[in-house]
Amino acid sequence: MRARYGEGAPGCLSFSGWYGTIGSVTLKIHIDDSAAPYEQVRAQISEQARAGVLPVGYRLPTVRGLAESLGLAANTVAKAYRALESDGVIETRGRNGTFVAAAGSAAERELALAAQAYVERARRLGLAQADALAAVRDALRAAYEG
């Protein structure tokens, strides 16, 4: 987090730009931007999910965790998460957390969730990425060519 004291009321932080990370993804919040901080969080997560930087099934930090890393109030991040969930960009799975949602048709969403479950299971089994991918290719070949 970048903050500097001085400008504004005594004892207040003046932020020229807040930033926080979600894994290897960085969010930047500019206080002097005309967009509200919650809208900046919403727009950046939405864009990164659409571009694939945040893949389907990616677990987002908790509201409090992200708020702390960005130097924002928890309610600000909660408002952004609610907007993202309303837009279908993210989904909350109860106590399991908040995840990037699959976009597109129901079949595509189901396929993306199945792929995510497969990846999680392959990792739990200790398979290398190449081995997991080879197993998928074999299964696809058998189903479509066989």
Protein backbone atom coordinates (compact mmCIF):
# COMPACT_ATOMS: atom_id res chain seq x y z
CA MET A 1 0.00 0.00 0.00
CA ARG A 2 1.30 3.47 -0.81
CA ALA A 3 0.26 6.25 1.48
CA ARG A 4 1.74 9.50 2.60
CA TYR A 5 0.91 11.79 5.45
CA GLY A 6 0.63 15.48 5.10
CA GLU A 7 -2.05 16.76 2.78
CA GLY A 8 -5.54 17.23 4.13
CA ALA A 9 -6.58 17.23 7.76
CA PRO A 10 -3.92 16.61 10.40
CA GLY A 11 -3.40 12.92 11.03
CA CYS A 12 -5.22 11.92 7.83
CA LEU A 13 -3.67 9.80 5.14
CA SER A 14 -3.52 11.24 1.67
CA PHE A 15 -3.45 8.53 -0.99
CA SER A 16 -2.19 9.26 -4.44
CA GLY A 17 -2.76 5.65 -5.42
CA TRP A 18 -3.57 2.53 -3.45
CA TYR A 19 -2.67 -0.83 -4.73
CA GLY A 20 -3.11 -4.37 -3.58
CA THR A 21 -2.55 -7.76 -5.04
CA ILE A 22 -4.78 -10.74 -5.67
CA GLY A 23 -2.23 -13.47 -6.17
CA SER A 24 -0.11 -12.00 -8.95
CA VAL A 25 -2.81 -9.55 -10.05
CA THR A 26 -2.59 -5.92 -8.97
CA LEU A 27 -5.48 -3.56 -8.38
CA LYS A 28 -4.80 0.17 -8.37
CA ILE A 29 -7.16 2.60 -6.71
CA HIS A 30 -6.67 6.28 -7.50
CA ILE A 31 -8.30 8.60 -5.01
CA ASP A 32 -8.15 11.52 -7.44
CA ASP A 33 -10.05 9.51 -10.08
CA SER A 34 -13.63 10.62 -10.74
CA ALA A 35 -14.82 7.02 -10.28
CA ALA A 36 -15.63 5.94 -6.74
CA PRO A 37 -13.18 3.44 -5.18
CA TYR A 38 -15.80 0.65 -5.18
CA GLU A 39 -16.37 1.25 -8.90
CA GLN A 40 -12.63 1.09 -9.57
CA VAL A 41 -12.42 -2.26 -7.73
CA ARG A 42 -15.48 -3.55 -9.60
CA ALA A 43 -14.23 -2.41 -13.00
CA GLN A 44 -10.70 -3.81 -12.56
CA ILE A 45 -11.82 -7.22 -11.29
CA SER A 46 -14.44 -7.41 -14.04
CA GLU A 47 -11.91 -6.54 -16.76
CA GLN A 48 -9.31 -8.96 -15.43
CA ALA A 49 -11.88 -11.77 -15.24
CA ARG A 50 -13.07 -11.02 -18.79
CA ALA A 51 -9.49 -10.96 -20.09
CA GLY A 52 -8.65 -14.25 -18.37
CA VAL A 53 -6.07 -12.71 -16.04
CA LEU A 54 -8.32 -13.96 -13.23
CA PRO A 55 -9.34 -17.42 -14.45
CA VAL A 56 -12.73 -19.05 -13.88
CA GLY A 57 -12.79 -20.60 -10.44
CA TYR A 58 -10.07 -18.32 -9.07
CA ARG A 59 -10.69 -17.73 -5.38
CA LEU A 60 -10.76 -14.04 -4.54
CA PRO A 61 -9.59 -12.70 -1.18
CA THR A 62 -12.11 -12.06 1.55
CA VAL A 63 -13.77 -8.66 1.64
CA ARG A 64 -11.77 -7.73 4.73
CA GLY A 65 -8.52 -9.06 3.29
CA LEU A 66 -8.84 -7.11 0.05
CA ALA A 67 -10.02 -4.00 1.87
CA GLU A 68 -6.99 -4.14 4.13
CA SER A 69 -4.54 -4.64 1.27
CA LEU A 70 -6.08 -1.72 -0.65
CA GLY A 71 -6.51 0.55 2.36
CA LEU A 72 -10.26 0.75 1.80
CA ALA A 73 -13.21 0.28 4.11
CA ALA A 74 -14.64 -3.25 4.11
CA ASN A 75 -18.03 -1.84 3.08
CA THR A 76 -16.45 -0.37 -0.06
CA VAL A 77 -15.09 -3.74 -1.16
CA ALA A 78 -18.33 -5.48 -0.13
CA LYS A 79 -20.25 -3.08 -2.38
CA ALA A 80 -17.92 -3.90 -5.30
CA TYR A 81 -18.30 -7.65 -4.68
CA ARG A 82 -22.12 -7.32 -4.58
CA ALA A 83 -22.07 -5.45 -7.90
CA LEU A 84 -19.74 -8.07 -9.43
CA GLU A 85 -21.99 -10.88 -8.21
CA SER A 86 -25.04 -9.11 -9.60
CA ASP A 87 -23.21 -8.82 -12.95
CA GLY A 88 -22.39 -12.54 -12.89
CA VAL A 89 -18.63 -11.93 -12.77
CA ILE A 90 -18.12 -13.57 -9.38
CA GLU A 91 -20.06 -16.04 -7.26
CA THR A 92 -20.11 -16.57 -3.52
CA ARG A 93 -20.09 -20.16 -2.36
CA GLY A 94 -21.07 -19.68 1.26
CA ARG A 95 -18.20 -20.19 3.68
CA ASN A 96 -16.03 -21.57 0.86
CA GLY A 97 -15.36 -18.07 -0.44
CA THR A 98 -15.84 -15.90 -3.49
CA PHE A 99 -14.75 -17.12 -6.91
CA VAL A 100 -14.55 -15.83 -10.46
CA ALA A 101 -17.69 -17.14 -12.18
CA ALA A 102 -17.86 -18.81 -15.54
CA ALA A 103 -19.25 -16.61 -18.29
CA GLY A 104 -21.49 -17.74 -21.08
CA SER A 105 -24.14 -20.41 -21.35
CA ALA A 106 -25.07 -22.88 -18.64
CA ALA A 107 -23.20 -25.62 -20.50
CA GLU A 108 -20.06 -23.49 -20.67
CA ARG A 109 -20.35 -22.64 -16.96
CA GLU A 110 -20.78 -26.31 -16.08
CA LEU A 111 -17.80 -27.25 -18.24
CA ALA A 112 -15.63 -24.56 -16.62
CA LEU A 113 -16.59 -25.77 -13.15
CA ALA A 114 -15.86 -29.38 -14.10
CA ALA A 115 -12.47 -28.33 -15.48
CA GLN A 116 -11.70 -26.44 -12.27
CA ALA A 117 -12.69 -29.46 -10.17
CA TYR A 118 -10.45 -31.68 -12.35
CA VAL A 119 -7.49 -29.35 -11.91
CA GLU A 120 -7.96 -29.23 -8.15
CA ARG A 121 -8.14 -33.04 -7.98
CA ALA A 122 -5.10 -33.49 -10.24
CA ARG A 123 -3.10 -31.15 -8.00
CA ARG A 124 -4.25 -33.00 -4.86
CA LEU A 125 -3.08 -36.24 -6.49
CA GLY A 126 0.30 -34.66 -7.14
CA LEU A 127 0.12 -34.84 -10.94
CA ALA A 128 2.31 -32.55 -12.99
CA GLN A 129 0.51 -30.13 -15.31
CA ALA A 130 1.74 -32.02 -18.38
CA ASP A 131 0.39 -35.33 -17.04
CA ALA A 132 -2.99 -33.80 -16.18
CA LEU A 133 -3.21 -32.26 -19.65
CA ALA A 134 -2.23 -35.55 -21.31
CA ALA A 135 -5.02 -37.35 -19.43
CA VAL A 136 -7.55 -34.79 -20.70
CA ARG A 137 -6.28 -35.12 -24.28
CA ASP A 138 -6.58 -38.93 -24.06
CA ALA A 139 -10.11 -38.70 -22.70
CA LEU A 140 -11.14 -36.21 -25.40
CA ARG A 141 -9.62 -38.37 -28.12
CA ALA A 142 -11.45 -41.45 -26.82
CA ALA A 143 -14.77 -39.61 -26.59
CA TYR A 144 -14.67 -37.74 -29.91
CA GLU A 145 -12.64 -40.04 -32.15
CA GLY A 146 -13.20 -43.35 -30.66
